[in-house]
Amino acid sequence: MSQDYYIELGVPRNAADKEVKAAYRRLARRYHPDVNSDDPDAEARFKRVNEAYQVLSDRKTRRDYDQFGDNWKHAEQMRASGGPDGFRGGGRGFRGGHDFGGFDLGDLFGDFGPGNRGNAFGRPQRQSLRTNVQITLEEAYAGSKRAITIQGSSTCRECSGSGIDGTVLCSYCGGSGTSQMPRTLEVMIPKGTAPGDRIRVRPDKMTELTIEVDVRGHRVFTRRDDDLTTDVAISYLDAILGGEVEVPTMTGKVALTVPAGTTDGRSFRMKGKGMPRHGRGASGNGDLLARMVISVPREPTEEEVGLLERLRDLRASGSEAESPEIEASETEIGVDQHPVSESRNAEAAGGDA
């Protein structure tokens, strides 16, 4: 059964590039097998959506598809064999249109890119393939490897790459001289990879694969460039008197000493506890901002209530000097930090950058 790429993406034939991209992202998110594990048809639909996008997102292949329809892969042979009018197939059903939003892609599946293309004499041409991969923040921090399956070119076994069978085009490869065979590549995702980063891989001389990386959101950390932010609960007593709290990091919990008078929302910058810096010439790690969230007991005991009322009376009578108000912002003060399982001999981290 033939496939109408415009209908597959739900866009009109005259859709702009950004409409095609938005439609692809929305549908890829909807039909991704990772979020449709109970739907046996999701993977097949995901592949069809990906195939449609690879054709319509490339200006040349989209032009060939608009002109030749299902025979777009053999556009060069058709032009050489008598022009487009005798081979047109692209006029069916290019209708419809929907609004599409963002996306959240996951692991890779079979069909990538516009497929193999050859010339009229069966000589394979270069392939530029594209796909997406989603990783966790932990994988972005440590680096990871992913197995990615692509459709690679191989010499047609029926015509031995000639593209012809006697005096007619080879029916197996359509005259391209090549056929598609699945190939699995092992791709290294570098440390510090950020959302939107692109990785280019050349599995052979004729193929270039571009992988766009998306990093999932995290339940503990928020990322901004190479820095991370996390909320840390602190008791109201430790906030008033100063104390020690445990701060989660990408490598384990770290004890952080906070000063007296810490206000809700105040942040402490922990140097080198963020994401690995990436890019040419980059080294080291970003920072971690530990934002204090003061915890107040909902049901204090009678003894606690009595002590707090006494403290309130003392302050009201002026027996205790008022502390200067501190704005809830990133702190300038130096703070002591060390792994929870280690001693306090760790080097103190600076305050705000």
Protein backbone atom coordinates (compact mmCIF):
# COMPACT_ATOMS: atom_id res chain seq x y z
CA MET A 1 0.00 0.00 0.00
CA SER A 2 1.39 3.37 -1.05
CA GLN A 3 2.02 6.07 1.53
CA ASP A 4 0.99 9.71 1.18
CA TYR A 5 3.58 11.67 3.17
CA TYR A 6 1.47 14.81 3.45
CA ILE A 7 -1.51 12.88 4.80
CA GLU A 8 0.83 10.96 7.12
CA LEU A 9 1.91 14.25 8.73
CA GLY A 10 -1.51 15.88 8.42
CA VAL A 11 -0.27 18.95 6.52
CA PRO A 12 -1.32 20.52 3.20
CA ARG A 13 0.88 20.19 0.14
CA ASN A 14 1.89 23.86 0.37
CA ALA A 15 2.84 23.63 4.05
CA ALA A 16 5.86 25.69 5.11
CA ASP A 17 8.97 23.96 6.44
CA LYS A 18 8.16 24.97 10.02
CA GLU A 19 4.66 23.46 9.69
CA VAL A 20 6.15 20.17 8.51
CA LYS A 21 8.63 20.16 11.39
CA ALA A 22 5.97 20.98 13.98
CA ALA A 23 3.70 18.23 12.67
CA TYR A 24 6.52 15.70 12.79
CA ARG A 25 7.49 16.56 16.34
CA ARG A 26 3.92 16.32 17.60
CA LEU A 27 3.23 13.00 15.90
CA ALA A 28 6.60 11.51 16.82
CA ARG A 29 5.85 12.26 20.43
CA ARG A 30 2.36 10.81 20.18
CA TYR A 31 3.38 7.54 18.51
CA HIS A 32 6.79 6.95 20.06
CA PRO A 33 6.98 3.27 21.16
CA ASP A 34 8.42 4.23 24.54
CA VAL A 35 5.18 5.96 25.48
CA ASN A 36 2.94 3.49 23.64
CA SER A 37 4.30 0.17 24.86
CA ASP A 38 0.77 -1.25 24.99
CA ASP A 39 0.00 -0.29 21.37
CA PRO A 40 1.49 -2.81 18.88
CA ASP A 41 0.88 -0.42 15.97
CA ALA A 42 2.69 2.56 17.51
CA GLU A 43 6.17 1.60 16.27
CA ALA A 44 4.96 1.13 12.69
CA ARG A 45 3.19 4.50 12.74
CA PHE A 46 6.27 6.12 14.29
CA LYS A 47 8.38 4.78 11.41
CA ARG A 48 5.96 6.06 8.79
CA VAL A 49 5.89 9.51 10.39
CA ASN A 50 9.70 9.56 10.47
CA GLU A 51 9.92 8.48 6.82
CA ALA A 52 7.46 11.16 5.77
CA TYR A 53 9.39 13.85 7.62
CA GLN A 54 12.75 12.84 6.15
CA VAL A 55 11.34 13.25 2.64
CA LEU A 56 9.35 16.46 3.18
CA SER A 57 12.00 18.20 5.30
CA ASP A 58 14.57 18.04 2.48
CA ARG A 59 13.89 20.49 -0.34
CA LYS A 60 15.22 18.25 -3.11
CA THR A 61 13.43 15.09 -2.04
CA ARG A 62 10.24 17.04 -1.37
CA ARG A 63 10.38 18.52 -4.89
CA ASP A 64 10.92 15.05 -6.36
CA TYR A 65 8.06 13.65 -4.30
CA ASP A 66 5.71 16.46 -5.35
CA GLN A 67 6.56 15.70 -8.99
CA PHE A 68 6.74 11.91 -9.03
CA GLY A 69 4.80 10.77 -5.96
CA ASP A 70 5.61 7.18 -4.94
CA ASN A 71 8.34 7.05 -7.60
CA TRP A 72 10.26 10.00 -6.15
CA LYS A 73 13.31 7.84 -5.38
CA HIS A 74 13.77 7.28 -9.11
CA ALA A 75 13.28 10.86 -10.21
CA GLU A 76 16.58 11.07 -12.09
CA GLN A 77 15.86 7.92 -14.11
CA MET A 78 12.36 9.13 -14.89
CA ARG A 79 13.55 12.50 -16.09
CA ALA A 80 16.10 10.78 -18.30
CA SER A 81 13.42 8.41 -19.61
CA GLY A 82 11.00 10.93 -20.98
CA GLY A 83 10.26 13.68 -18.51
CA PRO A 84 7.97 13.99 -15.55
CA ASP A 85 4.58 13.85 -17.28
CA GLY A 86 4.79 10.16 -18.07
CA PHE A 87 5.64 9.23 -14.51
CA ARG A 88 3.71 11.57 -12.28
CA GLY A 89 2.24 10.04 -9.18
CA GLY A 90 2.35 12.81 -6.63
CA GLY A 91 -1.09 14.30 -7.08
CA ARG A 92 -3.09 12.01 -4.81
CA GLY A 93 -4.67 13.21 -1.64
CA PHE A 94 -2.50 16.13 -0.59
CA ARG A 95 -5.15 17.60 1.69
CA GLY A 96 -5.73 18.26 5.35
CA GLY A 97 -3.99 20.27 8.01
CA HIS A 98 -3.65 20.34 11.78
CA ASP A 99 -1.93 22.44 14.43
CA PHE A 100 1.01 20.75 16.11
CA GLY A 101 3.01 21.57 19.22
CA GLY A 102 6.27 20.48 20.88
CA PHE A 103 7.75 17.02 21.18
CA ASP A 104 9.66 14.69 23.43
CA LEU A 105 11.40 11.93 21.47
CA GLY A 106 12.93 8.77 22.81
CA ASP A 107 14.98 5.85 21.53
CA LEU A 108 15.56 5.10 17.85
CA PHE A 109 13.78 2.76 15.50
CA GLY A 110 14.25 1.57 11.92
CA ASP A 111 13.51 3.93 9.07
CA PHE A 112 15.66 7.04 8.82
CA GLY A 113 16.14 9.60 6.15
CA PRO A 114 15.00 9.82 2.57
CA GLY A 115 16.47 6.45 1.61
CA ASN A 116 19.08 5.45 -0.92
CA ARG A 117 19.34 7.33 -4.16
CA GLY A 118 21.26 6.41 -7.24
CA ASN A 119 21.72 7.84 -10.71
CA ALA A 120 20.46 6.42 -13.95
CA PHE A 121 23.47 4.12 -14.23
CA GLY A 122 23.17 2.57 -10.77
CA ARG A 123 25.98 4.49 -9.08
CA PRO A 124 24.96 5.17 -5.46
CA GLN A 125 25.01 8.75 -4.24
CA ARG A 126 25.79 10.07 -0.79
CA GLN A 127 23.12 9.76 1.89
CA SER A 128 22.39 12.37 4.53
CA LEU A 129 20.29 10.77 7.27
CA ARG A 130 18.78 12.41 10.34
CA THR A 131 17.20 11.13 13.50
CA ASN A 132 16.58 12.02 17.15
CA VAL A 133 17.55 10.37 20.41
CA GLN A 134 16.45 11.17 23.96
CA ILE A 135 18.70 10.62 26.97
CA THR A 136 18.44 11.14 30.71
CA LEU A 137 20.25 13.86 32.64
CA GLU A 138 22.39 11.14 34.22
CA GLU A 139 23.43 9.93 30.76
CA ALA A 140 24.23 13.50 29.73
CA TYR A 141 26.36 13.91 32.86
CA ALA A 142 28.38 10.70 32.50
CA GLY A 143 28.22 10.20 28.74
CA SER A 144 26.60 7.12 27.23
CA LYS A 145 26.49 4.80 24.25
CA ARG A 146 23.42 4.18 22.12
CA ALA A 147 22.74 1.50 19.52
CA ILE A 148 21.01 3.15 16.56
CA THR A 149 19.53 1.27 13.61
CA ILE A 150 19.57 2.93 10.20
CA GLN A 151 18.70 1.85 6.69
CA GLY A 152 22.03 1.69 4.85
CA SER A 153 22.80 1.31 1.15
CA SER A 154 23.96 -1.96 -0.36
CA THR A 155 24.42 -3.12 -3.94
CA CYS A 156 21.22 -4.53 -5.40
CA ARG A 157 21.44 -8.32 -5.43
CA GLU A 158 19.15 -8.62 -8.46
CA CYS A 159 20.98 -6.37 -10.92
CA SER A 160 24.41 -6.36 -9.22
CA GLY A 161 24.31 -2.59 -9.08
CA SER A 162 23.69 -1.95 -12.78
CA GLY A 163 20.17 -0.61 -12.24
CA ILE A 164 18.81 -2.42 -15.30
CA ASP A 165 17.41 -5.85 -16.07
CA GLY A 166 17.97 -6.41 -19.75
CA THR A 167 16.55 -3.29 -21.36
CA VAL A 168 14.27 -2.15 -18.53
CA LEU A 169 14.82 -0.75 -15.06
CA CYS A 170 15.46 -3.33 -12.39
CA SER A 171 12.13 -4.02 -10.66
CA TYR A 172 13.82 -4.78 -7.33
CA CYS A 173 15.75 -1.51 -6.89
CA GLY A 174 13.82 0.62 -9.38
CA GLY A 175 16.99 1.36 -11.33
CA SER A 176 18.96 2.85 -8.45
CA GLY A 177 21.43 -0.04 -8.32
CA THR A 178 21.17 -0.10 -4.55
CA SER A 179 18.82 -1.46 -1.91
CA GLN A 180 18.32 -0.60 1.73
CA MET A 181 19.56 -2.90 4.47
CA PRO A 182 19.26 -2.24 8.21
CA ARG A 183 22.50 -1.43 10.00
CA THR A 184 23.10 -0.94 13.70
CA LEU A 185 25.62 1.69 14.81
CA GLU A 186 27.02 2.27 18.28
CA VAL A 187 27.09 6.02 18.89
CA MET A 188 28.87 7.74 21.79
CA ILE A 189 26.93 10.54 23.49
CA PRO A 190 29.60 12.90 24.96
CA LYS A 191 29.61 14.09 28.57
CA GLY A 192 27.76 17.34 29.10
CA THR A 193 25.55 16.96 26.03
CA ALA A 194 22.79 19.59 26.10
CA PRO A 195 19.29 19.57 24.59
CA GLY A 196 19.44 20.38 20.88
CA ASP A 197 23.06 19.27 20.44
CA ARG A 198 23.76 17.48 17.17
CA ILE A 199 26.13 14.58 16.72
CA ARG A 200 27.38 13.71 13.24
CA VAL A 201 28.52 10.19 12.42
CA ARG A 202 29.99 8.83 9.19
CA PRO A 203 29.51 5.04 9.24
CA ASP A 204 30.98 4.83 5.73
CA LYS A 205 32.17 7.06 2.91
CA MET A 206 28.70 7.39 1.40
CA THR A 207 26.64 8.02 4.53
CA GLU A 208 26.40 10.85 7.03
CA LEU A 209 24.07 10.50 10.02
CA THR A 210 23.05 13.55 12.05
CA ILE A 211 21.60 12.81 15.50
CA GLU A 212 19.75 15.54 17.39
CA VAL A 213 19.82 14.94 21.14
CA ASP A 214 17.05 15.75 23.59
CA VAL A 215 17.62 15.51 27.36
CA ARG A 216 14.68 14.58 29.57
CA GLY A 217 13.66 16.80 32.44
CA HIS A 218 14.73 15.70 35.93
CA ARG A 219 12.67 15.44 39.11
CA VAL A 220 15.47 16.89 41.30
CA PHE A 221 17.56 19.18 39.12
CA THR A 222 16.81 22.01 36.73
CA ARG A 223 19.46 22.68 34.10
CA ARG A 224 20.55 26.01 32.68
CA ASP A 225 23.53 25.72 30.34
CA ASP A 226 26.18 23.94 32.44
CA ASP A 227 24.68 24.88 35.83
CA LEU A 228 22.12 22.93 37.86
CA THR A 229 19.61 24.15 40.43
CA THR A 230 17.95 22.10 43.16
CA ASP A 231 15.63 22.88 46.07
CA VAL A 232 16.84 21.86 49.54
CA ALA A 233 14.55 21.64 52.57
CA ILE A 234 15.87 23.34 55.72
CA SER A 235 14.12 23.51 59.09
CA TYR A 236 13.07 26.93 60.35
CA LEU A 237 15.36 26.48 63.36
CA ASP A 238 18.43 25.76 61.19
CA ALA A 239 17.48 28.72 59.02
CA ILE A 240 17.44 30.97 62.10
CA LEU A 241 20.41 29.53 63.98
CA GLY A 242 22.48 28.14 61.12
CA GLY A 243 23.10 24.46 60.56
CA GLU A 244 23.92 21.68 58.15
CA VAL A 245 21.78 20.31 55.31
CA GLU A 246 22.25 17.51 52.79
CA VAL A 247 22.33 18.64 49.16
CA PRO A 248 21.79 16.14 46.32
CA THR A 249 24.36 16.28 43.51
CA MET A 250 24.88 14.22 40.37
CA THR A 251 27.46 12.11 42.22
CA GLY A 252 25.77 11.75 45.62
CA LYS A 253 24.71 13.81 48.61
CA VAL A 254 26.97 16.55 49.97
CA ALA A 255 26.71 18.20 53.40
CA LEU A 256 26.38 21.99 53.23
CA THR A 257 26.78 24.32 56.22
CA VAL A 258 24.44 27.32 56.00
CA PRO A 259 24.80 30.47 58.10
CA ALA A 260 22.36 31.83 60.66
CA GLY A 261 19.62 34.05 59.28
CA THR A 262 19.16 32.11 56.05
CA THR A 263 15.94 33.16 54.32
CA ASP A 264 13.55 31.13 52.21
CA GLY A 265 14.68 31.05 48.57
CA ARG A 266 18.28 31.96 49.35
CA SER A 267 20.70 30.08 47.07
CA PHE A 268 24.21 28.82 47.68
CA ARG A 269 26.54 28.23 44.74
CA MET A 270 28.50 24.99 44.96
CA LYS A 271 31.43 25.24 42.58
CA GLY A 272 32.07 22.39 40.15
CA LYS A 273 28.95 20.42 41.09
CA GLY A 274 27.08 21.09 37.85
CA MET A 275 27.21 19.50 34.40
CA PRO A 276 30.48 18.80 32.56
CA ARG A 277 31.28 21.69 30.26
CA HIS A 278 31.28 20.59 26.64
CA GLY A 279 32.39 22.03 23.38
CA ARG A 280 35.75 22.79 21.87
CA GLY A 281 38.33 23.68 24.52
CA ALA A 282 35.86 23.32 27.41
CA SER A 283 36.93 21.72 30.68
CA GLY A 284 35.66 21.25 34.21
CA ASN A 285 32.08 21.42 35.41
CA GLY A 286 29.46 24.08 35.90
CA ASP A 287 28.05 24.90 39.34
CA LEU A 288 25.13 23.71 41.44
CA LEU A 289 22.79 26.25 43.01
CA ALA A 290 21.23 24.92 46.22
CA ARG A 291 18.06 26.92 46.88
CA MET A 292 16.83 26.83 50.48
CA VAL A 293 13.17 26.02 51.11
CA ILE A 294 12.29 26.60 54.78
CA SER A 295 10.19 23.86 56.33
CA VAL A 296 7.75 24.86 59.09
CA PRO A 297 6.07 22.18 61.26
CA ARG A 298 2.32 21.95 60.78
CA GLU A 299 1.59 20.60 64.25
CA PRO A 300 4.20 21.77 66.79
CA THR A 301 4.10 20.20 70.24
CA GLU A 302 2.81 22.10 73.26
CA GLU A 303 6.36 22.51 74.50
CA GLU A 304 7.47 23.92 71.15
CA VAL A 305 4.51 26.29 71.10
CA GLY A 306 5.40 27.52 74.59
CA LEU A 307 9.03 28.16 73.64
CA LEU A 308 8.05 29.93 70.43
CA GLU A 309 5.56 32.14 72.24
CA ARG A 310 8.23 33.04 74.76
CA LEU A 311 10.62 33.89 71.92
CA ARG A 312 7.94 36.05 70.31
CA ASP A 313 7.37 37.90 73.57
CA LEU A 314 11.10 38.47 73.99
CA ARG A 315 11.38 39.95 70.52
CA ALA A 316 8.29 42.08 71.01
CA SER A 317 9.67 43.52 74.22
CA GLY A 318 12.92 44.46 72.53
CA SER A 319 14.99 42.07 74.65
CA GLU A 320 16.55 40.67 71.49
CA ALA A 321 18.05 42.84 68.79
CA GLU A 322 16.41 42.61 65.41
CA SER A 323 18.42 40.78 62.76
CA PRO A 324 18.96 42.66 59.49
CA GLU A 325 16.66 41.45 56.74
CA ILE A 326 18.41 39.46 54.02
CA GLU A 327 17.00 39.33 50.51
CA ALA A 328 16.22 35.89 49.09
CA SER A 329 18.92 35.79 46.45
CA GLU A 330 22.08 33.97 45.60
CA THR A 331 24.45 34.33 48.54
CA GLU A 332 27.88 35.93 48.58
CA ILE A 333 28.96 34.12 51.71
CA GLY A 334 31.42 31.23 51.67
CA VAL A 335 29.86 27.88 52.64
CA ASP A 336 31.36 24.63 53.82
CA GLN A 337 30.52 21.57 51.73
CA HIS A 338 31.72 18.01 51.90
CA PRO A 339 30.45 14.54 50.97
CA VAL A 340 28.13 13.18 53.65
CA SER A 341 30.31 10.10 54.12
CA GLU A 342 33.55 12.08 54.47
CA SER A 343 35.06 14.40 57.06
CA ARG A 344 34.78 18.18 57.10
CA ASN A 345 38.27 18.65 55.67
CA ALA A 346 36.92 19.33 52.21
CA GLU A 347 37.77 22.71 50.69
CA ALA A 348 35.08 25.31 51.29
CA ALA A 349 33.13 26.39 48.23
CA GLY A 350 32.71 30.02 47.26
CA GLY A 351 29.43 31.85 47.35
CA ASP A 352 27.85 33.45 44.42
CA ALA A 353 29.59 33.86 41.09
